[in-house]
Amino acid sequence: MKTEVVLPPLGMGMQEGMVVRWLKEEGAHVEAGEAVVEIEADKVTEVVVAPVSGVLAGILVAEGETVSVRQALAVISGHTEPAGEATPAPAPAAPPPARPAQDVPGRTSVPADVQTRVVVSPVARHVAQQLGVDLNQVQGTGPGGRITDEDVRRAAVASARPAPASIAAEPRARRLAQEQGIDLGQIAGSGPGGRITADDVRRKVEVTSRPALRGIPLAGVRATIAKRMQSSLQTMAQLTLTTEADVTDLVALRATLKEQHDVTYTDLVTKAAALALQAHPRLNARLEGEEIRLLPEVHIGVAVALEDGLIVPVVRNASRKSLREISQETARLVRNAREGNLRPDEVTGSTFTITNLGMYEIDAFTPIINPPEVAILGVGRIVEKLARASEGIVWRQIMTLSLTFDHRLIDGAPAAAFLQAIKRQLESPSSLAA
């Protein structure tokens, strides 16, 4: 009997996840409840456990691939193999009929008992099937001799490369290639009949000596951010309003509060936004079909910059929390985010988002809405500016606020009124300390 290991919904609204790493090899025995694979969903990594005990008889999804919720990831056989026997790895797919694998030069058959001991990554097995490479002829360079996809590609190139003696090349070209450590099999000759010339070798040396371009895969967290931000801009009519708030009293309040407990400007803005959302519920909403759904609870997402991207943990029921509770909860979420310990439910379900770039000396910017929310608030740095007051020209502490909202769901005037409400809370901050 066989049982499928499927991708469960790891968080609210999750529809797909990416296989990060298999924790068990094909043929390994697993116990029910034992972690078998790491999955990245909503920028959080979680593990999927084996539903039953048995043998991991087949891995269906390679590392780096994205699958839908409820899709099968692997198959567990309901029985274990006798002790001392190795579980055979699936045989590579047969090459095209026009060139059978057994006729490919340089490849020899390997006894079946040797084939059973090959340790191959799922991606390498897939590449080997595509290129018609015999995995038993590949030397693995991964941990424990594991064959990687790069090992397979190198083996494919080596098997197709002609022997150096059979390559038509000028003597000078051959000497130069030997001096420079250049493989003549990688050079296309420009001489008569495809003969390799010394100039061909020199060009190859020049290309080889150039610094390699550094590539960063658009995968994992970065791919998730890319998809969501592109979708956000394509599906919403986004408009940004910007204003300045005189936060001189807020700066003084924070200095006083810090003597009692740690509090950040983001905490203070979160509290102000939570109070303003109660008075302006149209900003605490989402579009569901053809209906604008006003949400009863205020859950504020706080953007946190990580080394490989951005994550938005959620302060739940922010309108019902005191400033101290918001500070403690935000500090815990930020710490867990940077340590990679956030749970899926801690990064989903936000109704409004705040992103603060003030610590990077940014004055104002245009934040992109975090779907399916209606708006997002951008917070800039605090700078000193001269202002006219009753006592004359004085220096004041000024913070820039940028509100991006979905114009399909709310018009400019009510969005401006909401931004004005936040501004007033920050300029007269006594109610925020509660």
Protein backbone atom coordinates (compact mmCIF):
# COMPACT_ATOMS: atom_id res chain seq x y z
CA MET A 1 0.00 0.00 0.00
CA LYS A 2 1.28 3.47 -0.90
CA THR A 3 0.46 6.81 0.73
CA GLU A 4 1.06 10.22 -0.80
CA VAL A 5 2.81 13.03 1.07
CA VAL A 6 0.84 16.11 0.00
CA LEU A 7 1.45 19.83 0.50
CA PRO A 8 -0.99 20.98 3.23
CA PRO A 9 -2.20 24.58 3.58
CA LEU A 10 0.41 25.98 5.98
CA GLY A 11 -1.24 29.37 6.41
CA MET A 12 -4.44 31.27 5.75
CA GLY A 13 -4.88 31.92 2.04
CA MET A 14 -1.86 29.83 1.04
CA GLN A 15 -2.24 28.40 -2.47
CA GLU A 16 1.25 27.15 -3.33
CA GLY A 17 4.69 26.50 -1.88
CA MET A 18 8.25 25.85 -3.04
CA VAL A 19 10.24 22.75 -2.14
CA VAL A 20 13.36 24.08 -0.41
CA ARG A 21 15.12 20.89 0.70
CA TRP A 22 14.38 17.21 1.03
CA LEU A 23 15.33 16.01 4.52
CA LYS A 24 15.11 12.34 3.54
CA GLU A 25 16.55 10.46 0.57
CA GLU A 26 14.56 8.14 -1.66
CA GLY A 27 14.61 4.68 -0.14
CA ALA A 28 14.98 5.96 3.42
CA HIS A 29 12.71 4.71 6.18
CA VAL A 30 10.51 7.39 7.74
CA GLU A 31 8.33 7.37 10.83
CA ALA A 32 4.85 8.89 10.98
CA GLY A 33 5.19 12.52 12.06
CA GLU A 34 8.86 12.75 11.01
CA ALA A 35 9.86 15.80 8.95
CA VAL A 36 10.63 14.81 5.35
CA VAL A 37 10.76 18.07 3.37
CA GLU A 38 11.13 21.83 3.91
CA ILE A 39 8.59 24.06 2.16
CA GLU A 40 8.70 27.83 1.69
CA ALA A 41 5.30 29.52 1.57
CA ASP A 42 4.42 33.17 2.14
CA LYS A 43 8.15 33.80 2.74
CA VAL A 44 8.19 31.44 5.75
CA THR A 45 9.87 28.03 5.79
CA GLU A 46 7.92 25.13 7.31
CA VAL A 47 8.35 21.35 7.27
CA VAL A 48 5.94 18.72 5.98
CA VAL A 49 5.87 15.47 7.96
CA ALA A 50 5.28 11.90 6.90
CA PRO A 51 1.62 10.90 7.36
CA VAL A 52 2.54 7.22 7.88
CA SER A 53 5.58 5.09 8.64
CA GLY A 54 7.27 3.31 5.75
CA VAL A 55 9.79 3.76 2.95
CA LEU A 56 10.07 7.02 0.98
CA ALA A 57 9.58 5.15 -2.26
CA GLY A 58 9.48 8.11 -4.65
CA ILE A 59 10.18 11.85 -4.60
CA LEU A 60 7.84 13.51 -7.11
CA VAL A 61 8.92 17.16 -6.84
CA ALA A 62 12.50 18.41 -7.17
CA GLU A 63 14.08 21.01 -4.91
CA GLY A 64 13.34 24.52 -6.16
CA GLU A 65 10.03 23.58 -7.81
CA THR A 66 6.73 25.21 -6.83
CA VAL A 67 3.60 23.14 -6.27
CA SER A 68 -0.04 23.80 -5.41
CA VAL A 69 -1.67 23.02 -2.09
CA ARG A 70 -2.84 19.37 -1.90
CA GLN A 71 -0.43 18.34 -4.67
CA ALA A 72 1.56 15.15 -4.02
CA LEU A 73 5.21 15.69 -3.08
CA ALA A 74 6.31 12.10 -2.57
CA VAL A 75 5.05 8.55 -2.09
CA ILE A 76 5.58 6.41 1.01
CA SER A 77 5.37 2.66 0.70
CA GLY A 78 3.51 1.08 3.58
CA HIS A 79 6.20 -1.52 4.21
CA THR A 80 9.89 -1.37 5.03
CA GLU A 81 12.65 -3.11 3.11
CA PRO A 82 14.47 -5.99 4.83
CA ALA A 83 17.49 -4.88 6.82
CA GLY A 84 20.72 -4.77 4.85
CA GLU A 85 19.07 -4.31 1.45
CA ALA A 86 19.37 -1.05 -0.44
CA THR A 87 16.35 0.39 -2.17
CA PRO A 88 16.91 0.73 -5.90
CA ALA A 89 16.91 4.24 -7.29
CA PRO A 90 14.53 4.75 -10.23
CA ALA A 91 16.34 4.05 -13.50
CA PRO A 92 17.03 7.05 -15.74
CA ALA A 93 14.59 7.52 -18.61
CA ALA A 94 15.65 5.94 -21.86
CA PRO A 95 17.32 8.25 -24.41
CA PRO A 96 15.71 8.88 -27.81
CA PRO A 97 15.43 5.72 -29.97
CA ALA A 98 17.78 7.12 -32.63
CA ARG A 99 20.66 7.00 -30.16
CA PRO A 100 20.21 4.29 -27.51
CA ALA A 101 22.13 4.78 -24.29
CA GLN A 102 24.08 1.55 -24.75
CA ASP A 103 25.41 2.81 -28.11
CA VAL A 104 26.72 6.12 -26.79
CA PRO A 105 30.54 6.15 -26.95
CA GLY A 106 32.32 6.09 -23.63
CA ARG A 107 29.38 4.62 -21.68
CA THR A 108 29.38 1.12 -20.33
CA SER A 109 26.77 -0.89 -18.53
CA VAL A 110 27.01 -1.20 -14.76
CA PRO A 111 25.77 -4.14 -12.68
CA ALA A 112 22.36 -3.61 -11.07
CA ASP A 113 23.77 -3.97 -7.55
CA VAL A 114 25.97 -0.90 -8.18
CA GLN A 115 23.03 1.12 -9.47
CA THR A 116 21.16 0.67 -6.21
CA ARG A 117 23.81 2.59 -4.27
CA VAL A 118 23.79 5.81 -6.33
CA VAL A 119 22.79 8.86 -4.22
CA VAL A 120 21.20 11.47 -6.50
CA SER A 121 19.41 14.75 -5.88
CA PRO A 122 15.91 14.94 -7.45
CA VAL A 123 17.01 17.77 -9.75
CA ALA A 124 20.08 15.79 -10.90
CA ARG A 125 17.89 12.78 -11.68
CA HIS A 126 15.59 14.97 -13.77
CA VAL A 127 18.53 16.52 -15.67
CA ALA A 128 20.05 13.08 -16.28
CA GLN A 129 16.80 11.89 -17.83
CA GLN A 130 16.71 14.93 -20.12
CA LEU A 131 20.35 14.58 -21.24
CA GLY A 132 20.43 10.78 -21.37
CA VAL A 133 23.27 10.51 -18.86
CA ASP A 134 23.95 7.23 -17.05
CA LEU A 135 24.04 8.20 -13.37
CA ASN A 136 26.27 5.23 -12.59
CA GLN A 137 29.01 6.89 -14.67
CA VAL A 138 28.79 10.22 -12.79
CA GLN A 139 31.10 11.12 -9.90
CA GLY A 140 29.13 13.00 -7.24
CA THR A 141 30.64 16.10 -5.63
CA GLY A 142 27.83 16.85 -3.18
CA PRO A 143 27.70 15.95 0.53
CA GLY A 144 28.42 12.27 1.02
CA GLY A 145 29.14 11.83 -2.69
CA ARG A 146 25.63 12.97 -3.67
CA ILE A 147 25.28 13.58 -7.42
CA THR A 148 24.17 17.14 -8.19
CA ASP A 149 22.71 18.57 -11.38
CA GLU A 150 26.07 20.24 -12.12
CA ASP A 151 27.79 16.85 -11.91
CA VAL A 152 25.33 15.50 -14.49
CA ARG A 153 25.88 18.42 -16.86
CA ARG A 154 29.65 18.06 -16.65
CA ALA A 155 29.34 14.36 -17.41
CA ALA A 156 27.14 15.12 -20.44
CA VAL A 157 29.70 17.60 -21.81
CA ALA A 158 32.59 15.20 -21.20
CA SER A 159 30.87 12.31 -22.98
CA ALA A 160 30.17 14.45 -26.06
CA ARG A 161 33.67 15.99 -26.26
CA PRO A 162 35.97 14.61 -28.97
CA ALA A 163 39.41 13.26 -28.04
CA PRO A 164 42.14 15.95 -28.27
CA ALA A 165 44.15 13.99 -30.85
CA SER A 166 41.19 13.92 -33.24
CA ILE A 167 40.72 17.70 -33.20
CA ALA A 168 42.01 19.55 -36.26
CA ALA A 169 44.27 22.33 -34.98
CA GLU A 170 47.39 24.19 -36.05
CA PRO A 171 50.53 23.17 -34.14
CA ARG A 172 50.85 26.73 -32.82
CA ALA A 173 47.21 26.60 -31.66
CA ARG A 174 47.80 23.28 -29.94
CA ARG A 175 50.89 24.59 -28.11
CA LEU A 176 49.14 27.80 -27.07
CA ALA A 177 46.12 25.87 -25.79
CA GLN A 178 48.38 23.63 -23.72
CA GLU A 179 50.22 26.64 -22.25
CA GLN A 180 46.98 28.41 -21.34
CA GLY A 181 45.15 25.30 -20.10
CA ILE A 182 42.47 25.63 -22.78
CA ASP A 183 40.42 22.60 -23.90
CA LEU A 184 40.52 22.49 -27.72
CA GLY A 185 37.23 20.61 -27.67
CA GLN A 186 35.52 23.81 -26.54
CA ILE A 187 36.77 25.93 -29.45
CA ALA A 188 35.07 26.33 -32.82
CA GLY A 189 37.77 26.53 -35.50
CA SER A 190 37.72 29.33 -38.08
CA GLY A 191 40.41 27.87 -40.34
CA PRO A 192 39.98 25.76 -43.49
CA GLY A 193 37.71 22.80 -42.82
CA GLY A 194 37.03 24.03 -39.27
CA ARG A 195 40.71 23.83 -38.29
CA ILE A 196 41.51 25.65 -35.02
CA THR A 197 43.97 28.51 -35.43
CA ALA A 198 46.15 30.29 -32.90
CA ASP A 199 43.82 33.31 -33.15
CA ASP A 200 40.87 31.06 -32.18
CA VAL A 201 42.75 30.01 -29.06
CA ARG A 202 43.69 33.62 -28.21
CA ARG A 203 40.03 34.67 -28.46
CA LYS A 204 39.05 31.81 -26.17
CA VAL A 205 41.74 32.88 -23.67
CA GLU A 206 40.40 36.45 -23.74
CA VAL A 207 36.81 35.32 -23.12
CA THR A 208 37.85 32.90 -20.38
CA SER A 209 39.86 35.56 -18.54
CA ARG A 210 36.92 37.96 -18.31
CA PRO A 211 35.29 38.21 -14.88
CA ALA A 212 32.17 36.08 -14.71
CA LEU A 213 28.88 37.90 -14.31
CA ARG A 214 27.30 37.25 -10.93
CA GLY A 215 23.78 35.89 -11.16
CA ILE A 216 21.19 35.87 -8.40
CA PRO A 217 18.34 33.39 -8.96
CA LEU A 218 14.85 34.90 -8.82
CA ALA A 219 13.62 32.23 -6.44
CA GLY A 220 12.32 31.70 -2.93
CA VAL A 221 11.45 34.86 -1.02
CA ARG A 222 12.63 37.10 -3.86
CA ALA A 223 10.34 35.32 -6.36
CA THR A 224 7.38 35.58 -3.98
CA ILE A 225 7.93 39.32 -3.53
CA ALA A 226 8.31 39.82 -7.30
CA LYS A 227 5.07 37.99 -8.06
CA ARG A 228 3.05 39.81 -5.40
CA MET A 229 4.32 43.29 -6.20
CA GLN A 230 3.76 42.86 -9.93
CA SER A 231 0.25 41.53 -9.28
CA SER A 232 -0.44 44.43 -6.92
CA LEU A 233 0.42 47.06 -9.51
CA GLN A 234 -1.40 45.24 -12.33
CA THR A 235 -4.67 44.69 -10.47
CA MET A 236 -5.09 47.93 -8.48
CA ALA A 237 -5.46 51.61 -9.28
CA GLN A 238 -2.79 52.84 -6.87
CA LEU A 239 -2.38 56.47 -5.88
CA THR A 240 -0.03 57.97 -3.27
CA LEU A 241 -0.70 60.98 -1.02
CA THR A 242 2.14 62.62 0.93
CA THR A 243 2.06 64.93 3.93
CA GLU A 244 4.36 66.18 6.69
CA ALA A 245 3.70 65.83 10.40
CA ASP A 246 5.27 68.00 13.10
CA VAL A 247 6.43 65.26 15.51
CA THR A 248 8.37 67.46 17.92
CA ASP A 249 6.10 66.40 20.81
CA LEU A 250 6.24 62.76 19.63
CA VAL A 251 10.05 62.79 19.85
CA ALA A 252 9.82 64.12 23.40
CA LEU A 253 7.18 61.53 24.32
CA ARG A 254 9.31 58.69 23.00
CA ALA A 255 12.30 59.87 25.01
CA THR A 256 10.14 59.80 28.16
CA LEU A 257 8.62 56.39 27.39
CA LYS A 258 12.02 54.82 26.70
CA GLU A 259 12.85 55.34 30.37
CA GLN A 260 10.06 52.85 31.15
CA HIS A 261 10.19 50.40 28.22
CA ASP A 262 11.68 50.15 24.75
CA VAL A 263 9.48 51.84 22.14
CA THR A 264 10.21 52.70 18.50
CA TYR A 265 8.75 55.29 16.16
CA THR A 266 7.22 52.40 14.20
CA ASP A 267 5.39 51.33 17.38
CA LEU A 268 4.01 54.85 17.80
CA VAL A 269 2.92 55.06 14.15
CA THR A 270 1.31 51.61 14.45
CA LYS A 271 -0.74 52.79 17.43
CA ALA A 272 -1.73 55.99 15.60
CA ALA A 273 -2.75 54.05 12.47
CA ALA A 274 -4.78 51.57 14.54
CA LEU A 275 -6.77 54.41 16.14
CA ALA A 276 -7.26 56.15 12.78
CA LEU A 277 -8.49 52.91 11.14
CA GLN A 278 -11.25 52.64 13.73
CA ALA A 279 -12.51 56.07 12.71
CA HIS A 280 -11.99 55.39 8.97
CA PRO A 281 -13.08 51.76 8.38
CA ARG A 282 -13.02 52.11 4.57
CA LEU A 283 -9.21 51.87 4.82
CA ASN A 284 -9.53 48.63 6.81
CA ALA A 285 -11.23 46.67 4.06
CA ARG A 286 -10.70 44.42 1.09
CA LEU A 287 -12.40 43.69 -2.24
CA GLU A 288 -14.17 40.34 -2.36
CA GLY A 289 -15.72 39.74 -5.76
CA GLU A 290 -17.94 42.75 -6.43
CA GLU A 291 -18.24 43.73 -2.77
CA ILE A 292 -16.11 45.97 -0.55
CA ARG A 293 -15.87 44.05 2.73
CA LEU A 294 -15.24 46.21 5.83
CA LEU A 295 -13.20 44.16 8.30
CA PRO A 296 -14.15 44.14 11.99
CA GLU A 297 -10.63 43.66 13.37
CA VAL A 298 -7.51 45.79 12.84
CA HIS A 299 -4.46 43.62 12.11
CA ILE A 300 -1.45 45.75 11.15
CA GLY A 301 1.46 44.32 9.19
CA VAL A 302 4.89 45.79 9.94
CA ALA A 303 7.41 45.41 7.08
CA VAL A 304 10.77 43.98 8.17
CA ALA A 305 13.81 44.02 5.87
CA LEU A 306 15.77 40.76 5.75
CA GLU A 307 18.97 39.90 3.90
CA ASP A 308 17.12 38.13 1.08
CA GLY A 309 13.94 40.19 0.93
CA LEU A 310 11.04 41.68 2.84
CA ILE A 311 8.63 40.01 5.25
CA VAL A 312 5.54 41.46 6.93
CA PRO A 313 4.71 39.98 10.35
CA VAL A 314 1.31 40.95 11.73
CA VAL A 315 0.39 42.70 14.98
CA ARG A 316 -3.11 41.30 15.53
CA ASN A 317 -5.93 43.34 17.11
CA ALA A 318 -3.66 46.38 17.20
CA SER A 319 -6.57 48.73 17.97
CA ARG A 320 -7.22 46.83 21.23
CA LYS A 321 -3.57 46.76 22.36
CA SER A 322 -1.77 49.31 24.49
CA LEU A 323 1.39 50.94 23.18
CA ARG A 324 3.48 48.73 25.49
CA GLU A 325 1.74 45.60 24.14
CA ILE A 326 2.31 46.74 20.56
CA SER A 327 6.00 47.39 21.33
CA GLN A 328 6.49 43.97 22.92
CA GLU A 329 4.63 42.13 20.16
CA THR A 330 6.44 43.97 17.37
CA ALA A 331 9.85 43.34 18.98
CA ARG A 332 9.06 39.61 19.26
CA LEU A 333 7.89 39.38 15.64
CA VAL A 334 10.92 41.28 14.30
CA ARG A 335 13.29 39.08 16.30
CA ASN A 336 11.62 35.89 15.05
CA ALA A 337 11.63 37.22 11.48
CA ARG A 338 15.38 37.80 11.53
CA GLU A 339 15.98 34.40 13.11
CA GLY A 340 13.70 32.68 10.59
CA ASN A 341 11.30 31.47 13.29
CA LEU A 342 8.03 33.04 12.16
CA ARG A 343 4.97 30.80 11.79
CA PRO A 344 2.74 31.07 8.69
CA ASP A 345 -0.14 32.50 10.75
CA GLU A 346 2.16 35.32 11.91
CA VAL A 347 2.67 36.64 8.37
CA THR A 348 -0.88 36.35 7.01
CA GLY A 349 -4.17 38.09 7.66
CA SER A 350 -3.02 41.72 7.90
CA THR A 351 -5.63 44.38 7.09
CA PHE A 352 -3.22 47.35 6.77
CA THR A 353 0.56 47.63 6.42
CA ILE A 354 3.20 50.09 7.64
CA THR A 355 6.68 50.30 6.11
CA ASN A 356 9.31 52.56 7.68
CA LEU A 357 12.42 53.62 5.74
CA GLY A 358 13.32 56.47 8.07
CA MET A 359 16.35 54.62 9.43
CA TYR A 360 17.77 54.63 5.87
CA GLU A 361 17.51 58.47 5.69
CA ILE A 362 14.62 58.32 3.20
CA ASP A 363 12.27 61.30 3.30
CA ALA A 364 9.36 60.09 1.16
CA PHE A 365 8.62 57.19 -1.18
CA THR A 366 5.78 55.40 -2.96
CA PRO A 367 5.02 52.12 -1.17
CA ILE A 368 3.21 49.34 -3.05
CA ILE A 369 0.04 47.93 -1.50
CA ASN A 370 0.27 44.49 0.09
CA PRO A 371 -2.66 42.56 -1.52
CA PRO A 372 -5.49 42.17 -0.70
CA GLU A 373 -5.33 45.25 1.52
CA VAL A 374 -6.70 48.67 0.54
CA ALA A 375 -3.74 50.82 1.59
CA ILE A 376 -0.21 50.98 2.95
CA LEU A 377 1.53 53.73 4.93
CA GLY A 378 5.13 54.70 4.24
CA VAL A 379 7.10 56.43 7.01
CA GLY A 380 10.10 58.63 6.26
CA ARG A 381 12.87 59.96 8.47
CA ILE A 382 12.53 62.75 11.01
CA VAL A 383 14.38 65.93 10.04
CA GLU A 384 14.71 69.35 11.61
CA LYS A 385 13.01 72.20 9.71
CA LEU A 386 12.42 75.85 10.46
CA ALA A 387 8.78 76.75 11.09
CA ARG A 388 6.88 79.91 12.01
CA ALA A 389 5.38 79.87 15.52
CA SER A 390 3.90 82.39 17.94
CA GLU A 391 7.33 82.83 19.48
CA GLY A 392 8.90 83.41 16.06
CA ILE A 393 10.92 81.12 13.74
CA VAL A 394 11.76 77.87 15.53
CA TRP A 395 13.27 74.47 14.70
CA ARG A 396 10.71 71.65 14.57
CA GLN A 397 10.99 67.87 14.07
CA ILE A 398 9.22 66.87 10.84
CA MET A 399 8.24 63.36 9.63
CA THR A 400 7.02 62.63 6.09
CA LEU A 401 4.09 60.21 5.65
CA SER A 402 3.16 58.57 2.32
CA LEU A 403 -0.20 56.79 1.96
CA THR A 404 -0.74 54.59 -1.11
CA PHE A 405 -4.37 53.49 -1.54
CA ASP A 406 -6.48 51.58 -4.07
CA HIS A 407 -8.52 54.22 -5.91
CA ARG A 408 -11.01 51.59 -7.05
CA LEU A 409 -12.25 51.17 -3.48
CA ILE A 410 -11.78 54.63 -1.98
CA ASP A 411 -11.56 58.17 -3.30
CA GLY A 412 -8.89 60.76 -2.67
CA ALA A 413 -10.82 62.85 -0.12
CA PRO A 414 -11.57 60.05 2.40
CA ALA A 415 -8.03 58.70 1.94
CA ALA A 416 -6.67 62.19 2.67
CA ALA A 417 -8.91 62.46 5.73
CA PHE A 418 -7.47 59.18 7.04
CA LEU A 419 -3.90 60.38 6.48
CA GLN A 420 -4.81 63.63 8.23
CA ALA A 421 -6.13 61.63 11.21
CA ILE A 422 -2.79 59.84 11.55
CA LYS A 423 -0.96 63.16 11.24
CA ARG A 424 -3.03 64.65 14.08
CA GLN A 425 -2.42 61.63 16.30
CA LEU A 426 1.34 61.98 15.82
CA GLU A 427 1.31 65.76 16.33
CA SER A 428 -0.75 65.47 19.57
CA PRO A 429 0.53 62.12 20.82
CA SER A 430 -0.75 62.03 24.40
CA SER A 431 -3.44 59.45 23.53
CA LEU A 432 -0.82 57.11 22.01
CA ALA A 433 0.84 56.43 25.37
CA ALA A 434 -2.21 54.57 26.66
